[in-house]
Amino acid sequence: MNASTVAIAAGLGLFVLPIPGTFITGALVVLAGGLARWLGS
């Protein structure tokens, strides 16, 4: 499993948690994972 895939999955997990602050954090982690995947290919 690529590190970018793990980052995207972790970001999605944070995104759906009903805890304040995890919505934005999850979105940023997903964006970072997507950027890493895009730049890595």
N, C-alpha and C. Protein backbone atom coordinates (compact mmCIF):
# COMPACT_ATOMS: atom_id res chain seq x y z
N MET A 1 0.84 -1.17 0.00
CA MET A 1 0.00 0.00 0.00
C MET A 1 0.89 1.25 0.00
N ASN A 2 0.61 2.15 -0.90
CA ASN A 2 1.39 3.39 -0.98
C ASN A 2 1.11 4.29 0.21
N ALA A 3 2.09 5.11 0.55
CA ALA A 3 1.90 6.07 1.65
C ALA A 3 0.78 7.05 1.32
N SER A 4 0.66 7.41 0.04
CA SER A 4 -0.41 8.35 -0.33
C SER A 4 -1.78 7.71 -0.15
N THR A 5 -1.89 6.41 -0.41
CA THR A 5 -3.16 5.71 -0.22
C THR A 5 -3.52 5.67 1.26
N VAL A 6 -2.53 5.42 2.10
CA VAL A 6 -2.76 5.41 3.55
C VAL A 6 -3.18 6.80 4.02
N ALA A 7 -2.55 7.84 3.49
CA ALA A 7 -2.90 9.21 3.88
C ALA A 7 -4.32 9.55 3.47
N ILE A 8 -4.71 9.15 2.27
CA ILE A 8 -6.07 9.42 1.81
C ILE A 8 -7.08 8.67 2.68
N ALA A 9 -6.80 7.41 2.98
CA ALA A 9 -7.72 6.62 3.81
C ALA A 9 -7.81 7.20 5.23
N ALA A 10 -6.69 7.61 5.79
CA ALA A 10 -6.70 8.21 7.13
C ALA A 10 -7.45 9.53 7.12
N GLY A 11 -7.27 10.30 6.07
CA GLY A 11 -7.97 11.57 5.95
C GLY A 11 -9.47 11.38 5.86
N LEU A 12 -9.89 10.37 5.11
CA LEU A 12 -11.32 10.09 5.01
C LEU A 12 -11.88 9.65 6.35
N GLY A 13 -11.09 8.88 7.09
CA GLY A 13 -11.52 8.46 8.42
C GLY A 13 -11.68 9.64 9.35
N LEU A 14 -10.74 10.59 9.31
CA LEU A 14 -10.86 11.79 10.13
C LEU A 14 -12.02 12.66 9.68
N PHE A 15 -12.24 12.70 8.37
CA PHE A 15 -13.28 13.55 7.79
C PHE A 15 -14.66 13.19 8.32
N VAL A 16 -14.92 11.90 8.52
CA VAL A 16 -16.26 11.47 8.92
C VAL A 16 -16.46 11.41 10.44
N LEU A 17 -15.41 11.62 11.23
CA LEU A 17 -15.56 11.61 12.69
C LEU A 17 -16.36 12.82 13.15
N PRO A 18 -17.30 12.62 14.05
CA PRO A 18 -18.13 13.74 14.53
C PRO A 18 -17.48 14.51 15.68
N ILE A 19 -16.19 14.78 15.56
CA ILE A 19 -15.46 15.52 16.59
C ILE A 19 -15.03 16.86 15.98
N PRO A 20 -15.22 17.97 16.70
CA PRO A 20 -14.84 19.27 16.15
C PRO A 20 -13.36 19.33 15.75
N GLY A 21 -13.09 19.85 14.58
CA GLY A 21 -11.72 19.98 14.10
C GLY A 21 -11.28 18.88 13.18
N THR A 22 -11.90 17.71 13.27
CA THR A 22 -11.45 16.61 12.42
C THR A 22 -11.94 16.75 10.99
N PHE A 23 -12.99 17.54 10.76
CA PHE A 23 -13.50 17.76 9.41
C PHE A 23 -12.44 18.46 8.55
N ILE A 24 -11.90 19.55 9.08
CA ILE A 24 -10.89 20.31 8.34
C ILE A 24 -9.58 19.53 8.27
N THR A 25 -9.19 18.90 9.38
CA THR A 25 -7.96 18.12 9.39
C THR A 25 -8.04 16.98 8.39
N GLY A 26 -9.17 16.28 8.36
CA GLY A 26 -9.35 15.19 7.41
C GLY A 26 -9.28 15.67 5.98
N ALA A 27 -9.89 16.81 5.70
CA ALA A 27 -9.85 17.36 4.34
C ALA A 27 -8.42 17.72 3.95
N LEU A 28 -7.66 18.30 4.87
CA LEU A 28 -6.27 18.64 4.58
C LEU A 28 -5.41 17.40 4.36
N VAL A 29 -5.64 16.35 5.14
CA VAL A 29 -4.88 15.11 4.98
C VAL A 29 -5.21 14.46 3.64
N VAL A 30 -6.50 14.48 3.25
CA VAL A 30 -6.89 13.93 1.95
C VAL A 30 -6.23 14.73 0.83
N LEU A 31 -6.22 16.05 0.94
CA LEU A 31 -5.57 16.88 -0.07
C LEU A 31 -4.07 16.59 -0.15
N ALA A 32 -3.42 16.44 0.99
CA ALA A 32 -1.99 16.13 1.01
C ALA A 32 -1.72 14.77 0.38
N GLY A 33 -2.55 13.78 0.68
CA GLY A 33 -2.39 12.45 0.07
C GLY A 33 -2.62 12.48 -1.42
N GLY A 34 -3.63 13.23 -1.85
CA GLY A 34 -3.89 13.36 -3.29
C GLY A 34 -2.76 14.07 -4.00
N LEU A 35 -2.22 15.11 -3.37
CA LEU A 35 -1.09 15.83 -3.96
C LEU A 35 0.14 14.93 -4.04
N ALA A 36 0.38 14.15 -3.00
CA ALA A 36 1.52 13.22 -3.01
C ALA A 36 1.34 12.17 -4.10
N ARG A 37 0.12 11.69 -4.29
CA ARG A 37 -0.14 10.71 -5.34
C ARG A 37 0.05 11.34 -6.71
N TRP A 38 -0.43 12.57 -6.89
CA TRP A 38 -0.34 13.26 -8.18
C TRP A 38 1.11 13.58 -8.53
N LEU A 39 1.87 14.07 -7.54
CA LEU A 39 3.27 14.41 -7.79
C LEU A 39 4.16 13.18 -7.91
N GLY A 40 3.75 12.09 -7.28
CA GLY A 40 4.55 10.88 -7.31
C GLY A 40 4.41 10.08 -8.60
N SER A 41 3.37 10.35 -9.37
CA SER A 41 3.18 9.57 -10.60
C SER A 41 3.69 10.28 -11.83
